[in-house]
Amino acid sequence: MSRLKTFLSLTGREFKLFKNNPIMVMLFIGGPILYGIIFGAMYEKGKFTDLPIMVVDKDNSAMSTRFIDMLNDMDVLKVVAVQHESVEMRTVLMNDKAMAAVVIPDGFEADLLQNRHPEINAYVNNSNLMTSSYVSRAILTAGGTLNAGIKMSAMEKQGLPAAVAANQYEAFHSNTFRLYNPASNYMIYSWPSYLAIILQTVTIVVMALSFTSEFEANTFKELCQKSKSVSMMMAIKVVPYWIISIGLAGILACFYVYFREPFPKHVADAAVIFVLFIAAATFMGMVASVLFKTQLRAVQFLMVLSMTVYIVSGYSWPFDQTGWAAQLFAYVFPMMPFVNGYRILLLQSGKLGDIGDYTTILCIQICFYAVLSFVLLKIKARKEMKKE
């Protein structure tokens, strides 16, 4: 009985320790709750629907219209535009305006009627391996359905049984061309997302530790006195890490060489979004550093968020397929605009003008977090200077 009482007493003591430690409660209970909410908000649909595609209908016939209707009837696809002249594939598939472009050739219906076996070409954006596989499969399914219908109609006219139709040649051919990472190399596909989450995590955490270390060492007041202004204090904190980031970029470039990964075609444009990303991350880390009094709490809180940020970035699961809560959460962090913009620069050889939406988001984040840091530090500095 004495051992049982001791066990129960110590167990109760452990529950009290847990309850009185907010960090433990946040990690053990808050973490799973946050992950569950974000994961559910991210994948609530459970499947892809209405992925945008464009159709270039050069034939503009009843048969081509029928095929377009079949594409639209697929749950996965949504025809967002129909053109009747050739288009620049780079423009159409850039920035996820369309996941694929389906080209129906001129004379498509006439060739079918004369058994000349025309070809329909589909150009799929393969920078996102997940969506490209769904789009390709849906387009082939629609094409196969139309093929089967045409063959059945032909066999019926000839008075042949349906079983014979299934063994006949295809009325038309469907070709799929994968653009951007045509080899479906998973390393090339996943590299930008891993790069982004690592950069964001280390930048925000290190920046957060910079101020919390001052609080723990009781040197913040000295920093306030020497810097003389909040703006100077902020510059003193961020400039060293921006300089170090240049060296970090050089190290990452060495990894590209070592792993034989392709560089962005427009390196200067990639450098611009990298600079914006680092700036946004450092100011966000500065906000976190003022909110937390100890290094341990800052690190624990930020590390809990790392996985959720990776999930909601929109890199693998398209942004427009997620719930509003997941989208709102993603807009808080620099990773979302950086990783999606950088992917366009890296895999699609895009330029800065092609990622204007993402660079704008980063600029807004920089301004917001810089102003918020300034306000919080101003309040913190005034409180500190009032202490004797």
Protein backbone atom coordinates (compact mmCIF):
# COMPACT_ATOMS: atom_id res chain seq x y z
CA MET A 1 0.00 0.00 0.00
CA SER A 2 2.84 2.40 0.84
CA ARG A 3 4.32 1.94 -2.62
CA LEU A 4 0.93 2.57 -4.20
CA LYS A 5 0.45 5.74 -2.16
CA THR A 6 3.92 6.92 -3.14
CA PHE A 7 3.21 6.19 -6.79
CA LEU A 8 -0.12 8.05 -6.70
CA SER A 9 1.42 10.97 -4.83
CA LEU A 10 4.27 11.37 -7.29
CA THR A 11 1.91 10.94 -10.22
CA GLY A 12 -0.28 13.73 -8.87
CA ARG A 13 2.83 15.84 -8.42
CA GLU A 14 3.77 15.31 -12.06
CA PHE A 15 0.28 16.40 -13.18
CA LYS A 16 0.68 19.60 -11.16
CA LEU A 17 4.10 20.26 -12.71
CA PHE A 18 2.60 19.79 -16.14
CA LYS A 19 -0.37 22.06 -15.41
CA ASN A 20 1.85 24.81 -14.00
CA ASN A 21 4.22 24.79 -16.98
CA PRO A 22 2.57 26.67 -19.87
CA ILE A 23 5.25 25.58 -22.33
CA MET A 24 4.60 21.90 -21.65
CA VAL A 25 0.86 22.45 -21.98
CA MET A 26 1.33 24.32 -25.25
CA LEU A 27 3.58 21.63 -26.73
CA PHE A 28 1.73 18.54 -25.53
CA ILE A 29 -1.86 19.74 -25.94
CA GLY A 30 -1.76 22.92 -27.99
CA GLY A 31 0.57 21.45 -30.63
CA PRO A 32 -1.67 18.50 -31.62
CA ILE A 33 -4.76 20.74 -31.55
CA LEU A 34 -3.08 23.29 -33.83
CA TYR A 35 -1.79 20.57 -36.18
CA GLY A 36 -5.22 18.95 -36.31
CA ILE A 37 -7.00 22.20 -37.12
CA ILE A 38 -4.51 23.27 -39.77
CA PHE A 39 -4.32 19.80 -41.33
CA GLY A 40 -8.11 19.55 -41.47
CA ALA A 41 -8.45 23.05 -42.91
CA MET A 42 -5.78 22.25 -45.49
CA TYR A 43 -7.14 18.93 -46.76
CA GLU A 44 -10.84 19.28 -45.91
CA LYS A 45 -11.84 18.60 -49.53
CA GLY A 46 -9.76 15.43 -49.57
CA LYS A 47 -9.38 15.51 -53.35
CA PHE A 48 -8.56 17.86 -56.19
CA THR A 49 -11.48 19.52 -57.94
CA ASP A 50 -11.78 22.20 -60.62
CA LEU A 51 -8.08 22.35 -61.47
CA PRO A 52 -7.87 25.04 -64.17
CA ILE A 53 -6.98 24.07 -67.74
CA MET A 54 -7.11 25.94 -71.05
CA VAL A 55 -8.29 24.53 -74.38
CA VAL A 56 -6.97 25.73 -77.72
CA ASP A 57 -9.75 24.69 -80.09
CA LYS A 58 -8.44 25.25 -83.59
CA ASP A 59 -11.25 23.19 -85.13
CA ASN A 60 -14.24 24.89 -83.48
CA SER A 61 -16.55 22.06 -84.52
CA ALA A 62 -19.35 20.10 -82.89
CA MET A 63 -16.92 17.27 -82.06
CA SER A 64 -14.35 19.57 -80.48
CA THR A 65 -17.10 21.24 -78.45
CA ARG A 66 -18.21 17.81 -77.32
CA PHE A 67 -14.70 17.03 -76.12
CA ILE A 68 -14.48 20.34 -74.25
CA ASP A 69 -17.76 19.51 -72.50
CA MET A 70 -16.32 16.13 -71.51
CA LEU A 71 -13.26 17.83 -70.01
CA ASN A 72 -15.52 20.15 -68.04
CA ASP A 73 -17.58 17.19 -66.83
CA MET A 74 -14.53 15.73 -65.13
CA ASP A 75 -14.62 16.63 -61.42
CA VAL A 76 -10.88 17.21 -61.39
CA LEU A 77 -10.87 19.69 -64.28
CA LYS A 78 -12.32 23.10 -65.02
CA VAL A 79 -11.93 24.69 -68.43
CA VAL A 80 -11.23 28.32 -67.58
CA ALA A 81 -10.61 29.54 -71.14
CA VAL A 82 -11.12 28.42 -74.73
CA GLN A 83 -8.96 29.95 -77.45
CA HIS A 84 -9.22 29.34 -81.18
CA GLU A 85 -5.70 30.37 -82.09
CA SER A 86 -2.23 29.26 -81.00
CA VAL A 87 -1.06 30.58 -77.64
CA GLU A 88 2.29 30.95 -75.89
CA MET A 89 2.45 27.94 -73.57
CA ARG A 90 4.89 29.69 -71.21
CA THR A 91 2.36 32.46 -70.58
CA VAL A 92 -0.59 30.11 -70.18
CA LEU A 93 1.05 27.71 -67.75
CA MET A 94 2.98 30.29 -65.74
CA ASN A 95 1.96 31.00 -62.15
CA ASP A 96 -0.72 28.27 -62.13
CA LYS A 97 -3.07 30.27 -64.36
CA ALA A 98 -3.71 26.91 -65.99
CA MET A 99 -2.41 23.50 -65.00
CA ALA A 100 -2.55 22.30 -68.61
CA ALA A 101 -3.32 23.41 -72.14
CA VAL A 102 -5.19 21.02 -74.45
CA VAL A 103 -4.74 21.66 -78.18
CA ILE A 104 -7.43 20.36 -80.56
CA PRO A 105 -6.05 20.51 -84.13
CA ASP A 106 -7.69 22.15 -87.11
CA GLY A 107 -9.77 19.69 -89.11
CA PHE A 108 -10.28 17.43 -86.06
CA GLU A 109 -13.88 16.49 -86.86
CA ALA A 110 -13.24 16.05 -90.58
CA ASP A 111 -10.26 13.77 -89.89
CA LEU A 112 -12.41 11.65 -87.56
CA LEU A 113 -15.11 11.24 -90.19
CA GLN A 114 -12.52 10.14 -92.76
CA ASN A 115 -10.66 7.83 -90.33
CA ARG A 116 -7.43 9.83 -90.53
CA HIS A 117 -6.76 9.50 -86.78
CA PRO A 118 -5.98 13.08 -85.68
CA GLU A 119 -3.96 13.85 -82.57
CA ILE A 120 -4.90 15.90 -79.51
CA ASN A 121 -1.92 17.26 -77.59
CA ALA A 122 -2.00 18.13 -73.92
CA TYR A 123 0.77 20.25 -72.38
CA VAL A 124 0.85 19.75 -68.61
CA ASN A 125 2.64 21.93 -66.05
CA ASN A 126 4.77 19.33 -64.27
CA SER A 127 6.34 21.66 -61.70
CA ASN A 128 3.85 20.26 -59.18
CA LEU A 129 4.04 16.48 -59.47
CA MET A 130 0.87 15.92 -57.47
CA THR A 131 -1.49 18.09 -59.50
CA SER A 132 0.09 17.20 -62.85
CA SER A 133 -0.63 13.50 -62.35
CA TYR A 134 -4.30 14.20 -61.59
CA VAL A 135 -4.66 16.55 -64.54
CA SER A 136 -2.95 14.15 -66.96
CA ARG A 137 -5.10 11.26 -65.83
CA ALA A 138 -8.31 13.27 -66.12
CA ILE A 139 -7.47 14.50 -69.64
CA LEU A 140 -6.65 10.95 -70.77
CA THR A 141 -9.88 9.68 -69.23
CA ALA A 142 -11.93 12.29 -71.08
CA GLY A 143 -10.10 11.45 -74.30
CA GLY A 144 -10.65 7.74 -73.77
CA THR A 145 -14.37 8.30 -73.17
CA LEU A 146 -14.73 10.29 -76.41
CA ASN A 147 -12.72 7.68 -78.28
CA ALA A 148 -14.97 4.90 -77.00
CA GLY A 149 -18.10 6.85 -77.93
CA ILE A 150 -16.88 7.47 -81.47
CA LYS A 151 -15.92 3.82 -81.96
CA MET A 152 -19.26 2.63 -80.61
CA SER A 153 -21.14 4.92 -82.98
CA ALA A 154 -19.05 3.69 -85.93
CA MET A 155 -19.64 0.04 -85.05
CA GLU A 156 -23.38 0.59 -84.65
CA LYS A 157 -23.57 2.18 -88.08
CA GLN A 158 -21.80 -0.86 -89.49
CA GLY A 159 -24.05 -3.21 -87.58
CA LEU A 160 -21.17 -4.72 -85.58
CA PRO A 161 -21.50 -5.79 -81.92
CA ALA A 162 -20.11 -3.61 -79.11
CA ALA A 163 -17.49 -6.23 -78.24
CA VAL A 164 -15.88 -5.69 -81.62
CA ALA A 165 -15.72 -1.93 -81.08
CA ALA A 166 -13.56 -2.33 -78.00
CA ASN A 167 -10.87 -4.03 -80.07
CA GLN A 168 -10.81 -1.47 -82.86
CA TYR A 169 -8.11 1.12 -83.33
CA GLU A 170 -8.42 4.52 -81.66
CA ALA A 171 -10.39 7.14 -83.50
CA PHE A 172 -7.80 9.73 -82.46
CA HIS A 173 -4.56 9.77 -80.48
CA SER A 174 -3.94 11.64 -77.25
CA ASN A 175 -0.42 12.85 -76.52
CA THR A 176 0.71 14.28 -73.18
CA PHE A 177 3.77 16.49 -72.93
CA ARG A 178 5.06 17.35 -69.47
CA LEU A 179 6.61 20.80 -69.27
CA TYR A 180 8.90 21.99 -66.44
CA ASN A 181 10.61 19.03 -64.79
CA PRO A 182 9.55 16.62 -67.59
CA ALA A 183 11.47 13.76 -65.97
CA SER A 184 9.34 14.14 -62.79
CA ASN A 185 12.52 14.37 -60.73
CA TYR A 186 11.37 14.43 -57.11
CA MET A 187 14.59 16.04 -55.90
CA ILE A 188 14.12 19.04 -58.19
CA TYR A 189 10.46 19.24 -57.18
CA SER A 190 10.97 19.04 -53.42
CA TRP A 191 14.21 21.06 -53.14
CA PRO A 192 12.62 24.56 -53.04
CA SER A 193 10.14 23.60 -50.30
CA TYR A 194 12.81 22.09 -48.03
CA LEU A 195 15.09 25.04 -48.72
CA ALA A 196 12.35 27.49 -47.76
CA ILE A 197 11.27 25.85 -44.50
CA ILE A 198 14.88 25.48 -43.33
CA LEU A 199 15.71 29.11 -44.16
CA GLN A 200 12.56 30.45 -42.55
CA THR A 201 12.94 28.40 -39.38
CA VAL A 202 16.59 29.21 -38.73
CA THR A 203 16.17 32.91 -39.61
CA ILE A 204 13.13 33.47 -37.39
CA VAL A 205 14.51 31.43 -34.49
CA VAL A 206 17.98 33.04 -34.52
CA MET A 207 16.46 36.50 -34.75
CA ALA A 208 14.11 35.69 -31.87
CA LEU A 209 17.01 34.48 -29.74
CA SER A 210 18.91 37.72 -30.36
CA PHE A 211 16.56 39.84 -28.25
CA THR A 212 15.53 37.17 -25.73
CA SER A 213 19.21 36.63 -24.91
CA GLU A 214 19.38 40.34 -24.07
CA PHE A 215 16.40 39.99 -21.75
CA GLU A 216 17.86 36.97 -19.98
CA ALA A 217 21.25 38.60 -19.54
CA ASN A 218 19.66 41.89 -18.37
CA THR A 219 21.53 43.80 -21.07
CA PHE A 220 18.51 45.15 -22.91
CA LYS A 221 18.61 48.45 -21.02
CA GLU A 222 22.25 48.88 -21.95
CA LEU A 223 21.35 48.21 -25.59
CA CYS A 224 18.61 50.87 -25.42
CA GLN A 225 21.00 53.45 -23.97
CA LYS A 226 23.75 52.83 -26.51
CA SER A 227 21.54 52.61 -29.58
CA LYS A 228 19.66 55.82 -28.58
CA SER A 229 16.67 55.03 -30.81
CA VAL A 230 14.46 52.07 -31.62
CA SER A 231 15.24 52.38 -35.33
CA MET A 232 18.96 52.17 -34.59
CA MET A 233 18.37 49.19 -32.31
CA MET A 234 16.47 47.36 -35.04
CA ALA A 235 19.19 48.10 -37.59
CA ILE A 236 21.88 46.87 -35.19
CA LYS A 237 20.03 43.58 -34.83
CA VAL A 238 19.08 42.83 -38.42
CA VAL A 239 22.11 44.04 -40.42
CA PRO A 240 24.55 41.38 -39.08
CA TYR A 241 22.13 38.59 -39.96
CA TRP A 242 21.51 40.04 -43.41
CA ILE A 243 25.26 40.02 -43.98
CA ILE A 244 25.52 36.45 -42.71
CA SER A 245 22.66 35.51 -45.06
CA ILE A 246 24.89 36.40 -48.01
CA GLY A 247 27.33 33.74 -46.85
CA LEU A 248 24.40 31.37 -46.28
CA ALA A 249 23.25 31.93 -49.86
CA GLY A 250 26.77 31.01 -51.00
CA ILE A 251 26.63 27.78 -48.98
CA LEU A 252 23.27 26.87 -50.52
CA ALA A 253 24.71 27.56 -53.96
CA CYS A 254 27.45 25.03 -53.18
CA PHE A 255 24.74 22.48 -52.39
CA TYR A 256 23.25 23.13 -55.83
CA VAL A 257 26.61 22.33 -57.38
CA TYR A 258 27.26 19.30 -55.17
CA PHE A 259 23.83 17.72 -55.76
CA ARG A 260 23.88 18.77 -59.43
CA GLU A 261 20.66 20.71 -59.12
CA PRO A 262 19.76 23.32 -61.78
CA PHE A 263 20.11 27.00 -60.89
CA PRO A 264 17.33 29.48 -61.65
CA LYS A 265 17.74 30.83 -65.16
CA HIS A 266 17.45 34.41 -63.92
CA VAL A 267 19.74 34.43 -60.89
CA ALA A 268 19.31 38.15 -60.20
CA ASP A 269 15.53 37.74 -59.93
CA ALA A 270 16.02 34.79 -57.57
CA ALA A 271 18.33 36.97 -55.47
CA VAL A 272 15.61 39.62 -55.17
CA ILE A 273 12.98 37.26 -53.78
CA PHE A 274 15.62 35.69 -51.51
CA VAL A 275 16.45 39.12 -50.04
CA LEU A 276 12.75 39.93 -49.52
CA PHE A 277 12.21 36.55 -47.87
CA ILE A 278 15.12 36.97 -45.45
CA ALA A 279 14.01 40.51 -44.58
CA ALA A 280 10.45 39.39 -43.84
CA ALA A 281 11.66 36.44 -41.78
CA THR A 282 14.05 38.56 -39.69
CA PHE A 283 11.40 41.14 -38.82
CA MET A 284 8.95 38.35 -37.99
CA GLY A 285 11.58 36.83 -35.73
CA MET A 286 12.06 40.24 -34.12
CA VAL A 287 8.35 40.36 -33.25
CA ALA A 288 8.59 36.91 -31.67
CA SER A 289 11.70 37.92 -29.74
CA VAL A 290 9.89 40.81 -28.08
CA LEU A 291 6.83 38.72 -27.23
CA PHE A 292 8.82 36.01 -25.42
CA LYS A 293 10.98 36.64 -22.39
CA THR A 294 13.23 33.58 -22.63
CA GLN A 295 15.11 31.88 -25.41
CA LEU A 296 13.60 28.50 -24.55
CA ARG A 297 10.02 29.71 -24.90
CA ALA A 298 10.76 31.46 -28.18
CA VAL A 299 12.39 28.36 -29.68
CA GLN A 300 9.67 26.01 -28.47
CA PHE A 301 6.86 28.14 -29.82
CA LEU A 302 8.46 28.74 -33.20
CA MET A 303 9.42 25.10 -33.67
CA VAL A 304 5.82 24.05 -33.03
CA LEU A 305 4.74 26.29 -35.91
CA SER A 306 7.35 25.03 -38.37
CA MET A 307 5.51 21.91 -39.51
CA THR A 308 2.17 23.68 -39.90
CA VAL A 309 3.80 26.40 -42.00
CA TYR A 310 5.27 23.76 -44.29
CA ILE A 311 1.87 22.10 -44.74
CA VAL A 312 -0.05 25.28 -45.60
CA SER A 313 2.58 26.78 -47.92
CA GLY A 314 0.58 25.71 -50.98
CA TYR A 315 3.65 24.15 -52.55
CA SER A 316 2.30 20.63 -53.08
CA TRP A 317 -1.42 21.05 -52.35
CA PRO A 318 -2.67 24.01 -54.45
CA PHE A 319 -3.68 27.09 -52.52
CA ASP A 320 -7.14 27.36 -54.10
CA GLN A 321 -7.91 23.80 -52.98
CA THR A 322 -7.52 24.61 -49.27
CA GLY A 323 -9.92 26.06 -46.72
CA TRP A 324 -9.96 29.77 -45.93
CA ALA A 325 -8.47 29.22 -42.45
CA ALA A 326 -5.40 27.47 -43.88
CA GLN A 327 -4.97 30.19 -46.49
CA LEU A 328 -5.20 32.94 -43.87
CA PHE A 329 -2.63 31.14 -41.70
CA ALA A 330 -0.25 30.78 -44.66
CA TYR A 331 -0.35 34.50 -45.45
CA VAL A 332 1.17 35.19 -42.03
CA PHE A 333 4.49 33.55 -42.90
CA PRO A 334 7.07 34.48 -45.56
CA MET A 335 7.47 30.88 -46.70
CA MET A 336 4.24 30.81 -48.72
CA PRO A 337 5.08 33.63 -51.16
CA PHE A 338 8.77 32.73 -51.31
CA VAL A 339 8.43 29.01 -52.01
CA ASN A 340 5.75 29.47 -54.69
CA GLY A 341 7.56 32.36 -56.35
CA TYR A 342 10.93 30.63 -56.24
CA ARG A 343 9.46 27.49 -57.79
CA ILE A 344 8.33 29.53 -60.80
CA LEU A 345 11.81 31.04 -61.13
CA LEU A 346 13.55 27.69 -60.74
CA LEU A 347 11.35 25.21 -62.62
CA GLN A 348 9.57 27.42 -65.13
CA SER A 349 12.44 29.84 -65.86
CA GLY A 350 10.18 32.68 -64.84
CA LYS A 351 11.13 36.30 -64.35
CA LEU A 352 10.43 38.76 -61.56
CA GLY A 353 7.38 40.05 -63.44
CA ASP A 354 5.86 36.56 -63.38
CA ILE A 355 5.85 36.46 -59.58
CA GLY A 356 4.62 39.97 -58.87
CA ASP A 357 1.85 38.71 -56.57
CA TYR A 358 4.32 36.87 -54.36
CA THR A 359 6.87 39.68 -54.14
CA THR A 360 4.04 42.07 -53.23
CA ILE A 361 2.99 39.80 -50.36
CA LEU A 362 6.58 39.70 -49.10
CA CYS A 363 6.86 43.49 -49.26
CA ILE A 364 3.62 43.84 -47.28
CA GLN A 365 4.92 41.37 -44.70
CA ILE A 366 8.19 43.29 -44.38
CA CYS A 367 6.37 46.57 -43.77
CA PHE A 368 3.88 45.02 -41.35
CA TYR A 369 6.42 43.14 -39.23
CA ALA A 370 8.90 46.04 -39.27
CA VAL A 371 6.25 48.47 -38.00
CA LEU A 372 4.97 45.97 -35.44
CA SER A 373 8.54 45.34 -34.23
CA PHE A 374 9.11 49.07 -33.91
CA VAL A 375 5.96 49.56 -31.83
CA LEU A 376 6.62 46.59 -29.55
CA LEU A 377 10.26 47.56 -29.02
CA LYS A 378 9.27 51.16 -28.33
CA ILE A 379 6.92 49.99 -25.59
CA LYS A 380 9.49 47.55 -24.25
CA ALA A 381 12.26 50.18 -24.23
CA ARG A 382 10.12 52.73 -22.38
CA LYS A 383 9.28 50.20 -19.68
CA GLU A 384 12.91 49.23 -19.37
CA MET A 385 14.18 52.81 -19.11
CA LYS A 386 11.66 53.59 -16.36
CA LYS A 387 13.18 50.88 -14.17
CA GLU A 388 15.76 52.08 -11.72
